[in-house]
N, C-alpha and C. Protein backbone atom coordinates (compact mmCIF):
# COMPACT_ATOMS: atom_id res chain seq x y z
N GLN A 1 5.71 33.03 -15.88
CA GLN A 1 4.35 33.13 -15.40
C GLN A 1 3.39 32.73 -16.52
N VAL A 2 2.55 31.76 -16.25
CA VAL A 2 1.60 31.28 -17.25
C VAL A 2 0.39 32.18 -17.31
N HIS A 3 -0.03 32.50 -18.51
CA HIS A 3 -1.25 33.29 -18.72
C HIS A 3 -2.17 32.55 -19.67
N LEU A 4 -3.45 32.58 -19.37
CA LEU A 4 -4.48 32.05 -20.25
C LEU A 4 -5.32 33.22 -20.73
N VAL A 5 -5.40 33.39 -22.03
CA VAL A 5 -6.14 34.51 -22.60
C VAL A 5 -7.27 33.97 -23.46
N GLU A 6 -8.50 34.35 -23.09
CA GLU A 6 -9.69 33.88 -23.79
C GLU A 6 -10.18 34.92 -24.79
N SER A 7 -10.92 34.45 -25.76
CA SER A 7 -11.58 35.35 -26.71
C SER A 7 -12.80 34.64 -27.27
N GLY A 8 -13.73 35.44 -27.79
CA GLY A 8 -14.86 34.86 -28.51
C GLY A 8 -16.21 34.93 -27.84
N GLY A 9 -16.30 35.46 -26.64
CA GLY A 9 -17.60 35.56 -26.01
C GLY A 9 -18.45 36.63 -26.67
N GLY A 10 -19.69 36.74 -26.21
CA GLY A 10 -20.57 37.77 -26.76
C GLY A 10 -22.03 37.44 -26.56
N LEU A 11 -22.85 38.15 -27.32
CA LEU A 11 -24.30 38.00 -27.24
C LEU A 11 -24.79 37.26 -28.48
N VAL A 12 -25.64 36.28 -28.25
CA VAL A 12 -26.17 35.49 -29.37
C VAL A 12 -27.61 35.10 -29.04
N GLN A 13 -28.41 34.92 -30.06
CA GLN A 13 -29.80 34.49 -29.86
C GLN A 13 -29.84 32.98 -29.60
N ALA A 14 -30.86 32.57 -28.90
CA ALA A 14 -31.05 31.15 -28.65
C ALA A 14 -31.08 30.39 -29.97
N GLY A 15 -30.39 29.26 -29.99
CA GLY A 15 -30.28 28.48 -31.22
C GLY A 15 -29.05 28.80 -32.03
N GLY A 16 -28.38 29.87 -31.67
CA GLY A 16 -27.20 30.29 -32.41
C GLY A 16 -25.94 29.60 -31.94
N SER A 17 -24.81 30.06 -32.48
CA SER A 17 -23.52 29.44 -32.20
C SER A 17 -22.50 30.50 -31.82
N LEU A 18 -21.53 30.07 -31.03
CA LEU A 18 -20.38 30.89 -30.68
C LEU A 18 -19.17 29.99 -30.56
N ARG A 19 -18.01 30.57 -30.78
CA ARG A 19 -16.77 29.81 -30.62
C ARG A 19 -15.86 30.56 -29.66
N LEU A 20 -15.44 29.88 -28.61
CA LEU A 20 -14.50 30.43 -27.66
C LEU A 20 -13.11 29.87 -27.93
N SER A 21 -12.11 30.71 -27.73
CA SER A 21 -10.73 30.27 -27.89
C SER A 21 -9.92 30.69 -26.68
N CYS A 22 -8.87 29.94 -26.41
CA CYS A 22 -8.01 30.24 -25.27
C CYS A 22 -6.58 29.84 -25.63
N ALA A 23 -5.65 30.71 -25.31
CA ALA A 23 -4.24 30.43 -25.57
C ALA A 23 -3.45 30.53 -24.28
N ALA A 24 -2.61 29.56 -24.04
CA ALA A 24 -1.72 29.56 -22.89
C ALA A 24 -0.35 30.06 -23.31
N SER A 25 0.19 30.99 -22.55
CA SER A 25 1.51 31.53 -22.88
C SER A 25 2.29 31.78 -21.60
N GLY A 26 3.59 32.06 -21.78
CA GLY A 26 4.39 32.40 -20.62
C GLY A 26 5.60 31.54 -20.39
N GLY A 27 5.97 30.77 -21.40
CA GLY A 27 7.19 29.98 -21.26
C GLY A 27 7.01 28.55 -21.71
N ALA A 28 8.00 27.77 -21.45
CA ALA A 28 7.96 26.35 -21.83
C ALA A 28 7.33 25.56 -20.71
N PHE A 29 6.27 24.83 -21.03
CA PHE A 29 5.59 24.07 -20.00
C PHE A 29 4.81 22.93 -20.65
N SER A 30 4.44 21.98 -19.83
CA SER A 30 3.67 20.84 -20.29
C SER A 30 2.22 21.03 -19.89
N VAL A 31 1.37 21.17 -20.89
CA VAL A 31 -0.06 21.36 -20.62
C VAL A 31 -0.74 20.01 -20.65
N ASN A 32 -1.28 19.60 -19.53
CA ASN A 32 -1.90 18.29 -19.45
C ASN A 32 -3.35 18.35 -19.91
N VAL A 33 -4.18 18.97 -19.11
CA VAL A 33 -5.60 19.09 -19.43
C VAL A 33 -5.92 20.56 -19.70
N MET A 34 -6.71 20.79 -20.72
CA MET A 34 -7.25 22.13 -20.96
C MET A 34 -8.76 22.02 -21.03
N GLY A 35 -9.42 23.12 -20.78
CA GLY A 35 -10.87 23.02 -20.85
C GLY A 35 -11.58 24.30 -20.49
N TRP A 36 -12.86 24.15 -20.22
CA TRP A 36 -13.72 25.29 -19.95
C TRP A 36 -14.65 25.00 -18.78
N TYR A 37 -14.79 25.99 -17.94
CA TYR A 37 -15.78 25.99 -16.88
C TYR A 37 -16.65 27.22 -17.08
N ARG A 38 -17.78 27.25 -16.42
CA ARG A 38 -18.64 28.44 -16.49
C ARG A 38 -19.29 28.71 -15.16
N GLN A 39 -19.66 29.95 -14.97
CA GLN A 39 -20.33 30.36 -13.75
C GLN A 39 -21.43 31.33 -14.08
N ALA A 40 -22.65 30.93 -13.78
CA ALA A 40 -23.81 31.79 -13.98
C ALA A 40 -24.06 32.57 -12.69
N PRO A 41 -24.75 33.70 -12.78
CA PRO A 41 -25.02 34.50 -11.57
C PRO A 41 -25.72 33.68 -10.50
N GLY A 42 -25.18 33.73 -9.29
CA GLY A 42 -25.79 33.03 -8.18
C GLY A 42 -25.53 31.54 -8.14
N LYS A 43 -24.70 31.06 -9.05
CA LYS A 43 -24.42 29.62 -9.10
C LYS A 43 -22.93 29.36 -8.95
N GLN A 44 -22.59 28.12 -8.63
CA GLN A 44 -21.20 27.74 -8.52
C GLN A 44 -20.59 27.51 -9.90
N ARG A 45 -19.27 27.65 -9.95
CA ARG A 45 -18.58 27.37 -11.19
C ARG A 45 -18.71 25.87 -11.50
N GLU A 46 -18.99 25.57 -12.75
CA GLU A 46 -19.19 24.17 -13.14
C GLU A 46 -18.39 23.83 -14.38
N LEU A 47 -18.05 22.55 -14.48
CA LEU A 47 -17.31 22.07 -15.64
C LEU A 47 -18.20 22.09 -16.87
N VAL A 48 -17.63 22.55 -17.97
CA VAL A 48 -18.32 22.50 -19.26
C VAL A 48 -17.70 21.40 -20.12
N ALA A 49 -16.40 21.49 -20.32
CA ALA A 49 -15.71 20.51 -21.15
C ALA A 49 -14.23 20.54 -20.83
N THR A 50 -13.61 19.37 -20.88
CA THR A 50 -12.16 19.28 -20.75
C THR A 50 -11.63 18.36 -21.84
N ILE A 51 -10.35 18.55 -22.15
CA ILE A 51 -9.71 17.71 -23.16
C ILE A 51 -8.27 17.47 -22.74
N THR A 52 -7.87 16.21 -22.75
CA THR A 52 -6.52 15.87 -22.33
C THR A 52 -5.53 16.11 -23.47
N HIS A 53 -4.26 15.97 -23.15
CA HIS A 53 -3.21 16.15 -24.16
C HIS A 53 -3.39 15.16 -25.31
N SER A 54 -3.91 13.98 -25.02
CA SER A 54 -4.11 12.97 -26.05
C SER A 54 -5.46 13.08 -26.76
N GLY A 55 -6.25 14.07 -26.35
CA GLY A 55 -7.49 14.34 -27.05
C GLY A 55 -8.74 13.70 -26.46
N ILE A 56 -8.63 13.15 -25.29
CA ILE A 56 -9.81 12.58 -24.63
C ILE A 56 -10.65 13.71 -24.06
N THR A 57 -11.91 13.72 -24.42
CA THR A 57 -12.80 14.81 -24.00
C THR A 57 -13.80 14.35 -22.94
N LYS A 58 -14.26 15.32 -22.18
CA LYS A 58 -15.28 15.11 -21.17
C LYS A 58 -16.21 16.31 -21.22
N TYR A 59 -17.50 16.05 -21.20
CA TYR A 59 -18.48 17.13 -21.29
C TYR A 59 -19.50 17.03 -20.18
N ALA A 60 -20.00 18.17 -19.77
CA ALA A 60 -21.14 18.19 -18.87
C ALA A 60 -22.35 17.62 -19.61
N ASP A 61 -23.21 16.93 -18.91
CA ASP A 61 -24.39 16.34 -19.56
C ASP A 61 -25.22 17.41 -20.26
N SER A 62 -25.26 18.60 -19.69
CA SER A 62 -26.10 19.66 -20.22
C SER A 62 -25.64 20.18 -21.57
N VAL A 63 -24.40 19.89 -21.95
CA VAL A 63 -23.88 20.42 -23.22
C VAL A 63 -23.53 19.34 -24.22
N LYS A 64 -23.65 18.09 -23.83
CA LYS A 64 -23.31 16.98 -24.74
C LYS A 64 -24.15 17.06 -26.00
N GLY A 65 -23.48 16.89 -27.14
CA GLY A 65 -24.17 16.95 -28.41
C GLY A 65 -24.30 18.35 -28.97
N ARG A 66 -24.02 19.36 -28.15
CA ARG A 66 -24.14 20.75 -28.60
C ARG A 66 -22.80 21.47 -28.63
N PHE A 67 -21.92 21.10 -27.71
CA PHE A 67 -20.61 21.75 -27.61
C PHE A 67 -19.53 20.77 -28.04
N ASP A 68 -18.47 21.33 -28.63
CA ASP A 68 -17.36 20.49 -29.08
C ASP A 68 -16.05 21.19 -28.71
N SER A 69 -15.18 20.47 -28.02
CA SER A 69 -13.91 21.03 -27.59
C SER A 69 -12.77 20.46 -28.42
N SER A 70 -11.81 21.30 -28.75
CA SER A 70 -10.64 20.86 -29.50
C SER A 70 -9.42 21.61 -28.99
N ARG A 71 -8.24 21.07 -29.26
CA ARG A 71 -7.03 21.75 -28.83
C ARG A 71 -5.91 21.54 -29.83
N ASP A 72 -4.98 22.46 -29.78
CA ASP A 72 -3.78 22.39 -30.60
C ASP A 72 -2.60 22.32 -29.63
N ASN A 73 -2.01 21.16 -29.49
CA ASN A 73 -0.94 20.99 -28.52
C ASN A 73 0.30 21.79 -28.87
N ALA A 74 0.56 21.94 -30.14
CA ALA A 74 1.75 22.68 -30.57
C ALA A 74 1.63 24.16 -30.20
N GLU A 75 0.40 24.67 -30.25
CA GLU A 75 0.18 26.09 -29.97
C GLU A 75 -0.32 26.33 -28.55
N ASN A 76 -0.59 25.26 -27.81
CA ASN A 76 -1.15 25.38 -26.45
C ASN A 76 -2.44 26.19 -26.47
N THR A 77 -3.33 25.84 -27.37
CA THR A 77 -4.62 26.50 -27.46
C THR A 77 -5.75 25.48 -27.32
N VAL A 78 -6.88 25.98 -26.85
CA VAL A 78 -8.08 25.15 -26.76
C VAL A 78 -9.25 25.99 -27.24
N ALA A 79 -10.18 25.32 -27.88
CA ALA A 79 -11.35 26.00 -28.41
C ALA A 79 -12.61 25.28 -27.95
N LEU A 80 -13.69 26.02 -27.88
CA LEU A 80 -14.99 25.46 -27.54
C LEU A 80 -15.99 25.96 -28.58
N GLN A 81 -16.46 25.08 -29.41
CA GLN A 81 -17.49 25.41 -30.39
C GLN A 81 -18.84 25.11 -29.76
N MET A 82 -19.65 26.15 -29.61
CA MET A 82 -20.94 26.01 -28.95
C MET A 82 -22.05 26.21 -29.98
N SER A 83 -22.93 25.25 -30.07
CA SER A 83 -24.03 25.30 -31.02
C SER A 83 -25.35 25.08 -30.28
N SER A 84 -26.43 25.40 -30.97
CA SER A 84 -27.77 25.24 -30.38
C SER A 84 -27.82 25.83 -28.98
N LEU A 85 -27.30 27.03 -28.87
CA LEU A 85 -27.20 27.66 -27.55
C LEU A 85 -28.57 27.92 -26.94
N LYS A 86 -28.63 27.78 -25.63
CA LYS A 86 -29.85 27.99 -24.88
C LYS A 86 -29.64 29.14 -23.90
N HIS A 87 -30.74 29.70 -23.44
CA HIS A 87 -30.64 30.80 -22.48
C HIS A 87 -29.87 30.36 -21.25
N GLU A 88 -30.06 29.13 -20.84
CA GLU A 88 -29.38 28.64 -19.64
C GLU A 88 -27.88 28.43 -19.83
N ASP A 89 -27.37 28.62 -21.03
CA ASP A 89 -25.92 28.60 -21.25
C ASP A 89 -25.28 29.94 -20.92
N THR A 90 -26.10 30.92 -20.63
CA THR A 90 -25.58 32.24 -20.27
C THR A 90 -24.74 32.15 -19.00
N ALA A 91 -23.50 32.63 -19.09
CA ALA A 91 -22.57 32.55 -17.97
C ALA A 91 -21.26 33.21 -18.37
N VAL A 92 -20.39 33.36 -17.38
CA VAL A 92 -19.00 33.71 -17.67
C VAL A 92 -18.25 32.39 -17.86
N TYR A 93 -17.58 32.28 -18.97
CA TYR A 93 -16.85 31.06 -19.30
C TYR A 93 -15.35 31.28 -19.02
N TYR A 94 -14.78 30.34 -18.30
CA TYR A 94 -13.38 30.43 -17.90
C TYR A 94 -12.56 29.32 -18.57
N CYS A 95 -11.47 29.71 -19.14
CA CYS A 95 -10.52 28.74 -19.67
C CYS A 95 -9.72 28.16 -18.51
N TYR A 96 -9.41 26.89 -18.61
CA TYR A 96 -8.69 26.19 -17.55
C TYR A 96 -7.54 25.38 -18.16
N ALA A 97 -6.45 25.32 -17.42
CA ALA A 97 -5.34 24.49 -17.86
C ALA A 97 -4.64 23.89 -16.65
N GLU A 98 -4.36 22.61 -16.75
CA GLU A 98 -3.55 21.92 -15.75
C GLU A 98 -2.17 21.78 -16.36
N ILE A 99 -1.18 22.36 -15.69
CA ILE A 99 0.15 22.44 -16.28
C ILE A 99 1.19 21.89 -15.33
N GLY A 100 2.14 21.15 -15.89
CA GLY A 100 3.25 20.66 -15.10
C GLY A 100 3.44 19.17 -15.24
N LEU A 101 4.62 18.73 -14.84
CA LEU A 101 4.96 17.31 -14.90
C LEU A 101 5.05 16.73 -13.49
N VAL A 102 6.05 17.12 -12.74
CA VAL A 102 6.20 16.62 -11.37
C VAL A 102 5.27 17.42 -10.45
N ALA A 103 5.41 18.72 -10.47
CA ALA A 103 4.49 19.61 -9.74
C ALA A 103 3.43 20.09 -10.73
N VAL A 104 2.18 19.89 -10.39
CA VAL A 104 1.08 20.23 -11.30
C VAL A 104 0.28 21.37 -10.69
N TYR A 105 -0.03 22.36 -11.53
CA TYR A 105 -0.76 23.53 -11.08
C TYR A 105 -1.96 23.80 -11.98
N ASP A 106 -2.97 24.41 -11.40
CA ASP A 106 -4.16 24.82 -12.15
C ASP A 106 -4.08 26.30 -12.47
N TYR A 107 -4.43 26.62 -13.71
CA TYR A 107 -4.45 28.02 -14.13
C TYR A 107 -5.81 28.34 -14.73
N TRP A 108 -6.19 29.61 -14.58
CA TRP A 108 -7.50 30.06 -15.06
C TRP A 108 -7.36 31.33 -15.89
N GLY A 109 -8.20 31.46 -16.90
CA GLY A 109 -8.28 32.70 -17.64
C GLY A 109 -9.12 33.71 -16.88
N GLN A 110 -9.23 34.89 -17.44
CA GLN A 110 -9.95 35.97 -16.77
C GLN A 110 -11.46 35.85 -16.93
N GLY A 111 -11.89 35.02 -17.86
CA GLY A 111 -13.32 34.82 -18.08
C GLY A 111 -13.83 35.64 -19.25
N THR A 112 -14.78 35.08 -19.96
CA THR A 112 -15.43 35.80 -21.05
C THR A 112 -16.93 35.57 -20.97
N GLN A 113 -17.68 36.64 -21.13
CA GLN A 113 -19.13 36.56 -20.95
C GLN A 113 -19.80 36.00 -22.21
N VAL A 114 -20.67 35.04 -21.99
CA VAL A 114 -21.54 34.52 -23.04
C VAL A 114 -22.97 34.76 -22.62
N THR A 115 -23.71 35.49 -23.42
CA THR A 115 -25.10 35.79 -23.13
C THR A 115 -25.97 35.29 -24.26
N VAL A 116 -26.93 34.44 -23.91
CA VAL A 116 -27.85 33.88 -24.90
C VAL A 116 -29.23 34.46 -24.64
N SER A 117 -29.73 35.20 -25.60
CA SER A 117 -31.04 35.81 -25.44
C SER A 117 -32.12 34.83 -25.88
N SER A 118 -33.18 34.81 -25.11
CA SER A 118 -34.26 33.86 -25.41
C SER A 118 -35.32 34.49 -26.28
């Protein structure tokens, strides 16, 4: 059973920085894409950043230039370095992983709260 465990959320003032981390565990598997989504109160879950096994990244327009995603394939971990945080970045952030070779499945972490005070 695959588990994604996040860490690093919290409260920060606008303009500050936070780093989120996520580790995938639960056996031998091929992790294709890892990344982060977020959901603010009353809004739909949205993509923040994804990174492929080869390191190709994709970012939401709202976070480009402020957020940076990285991963360690050997450890099956992904990180999100968030800088110049804004109040509108406040949300629950979910780690995401697409895992598998022939059959591919999506996995989600439990979510970690990020609150940016204005």
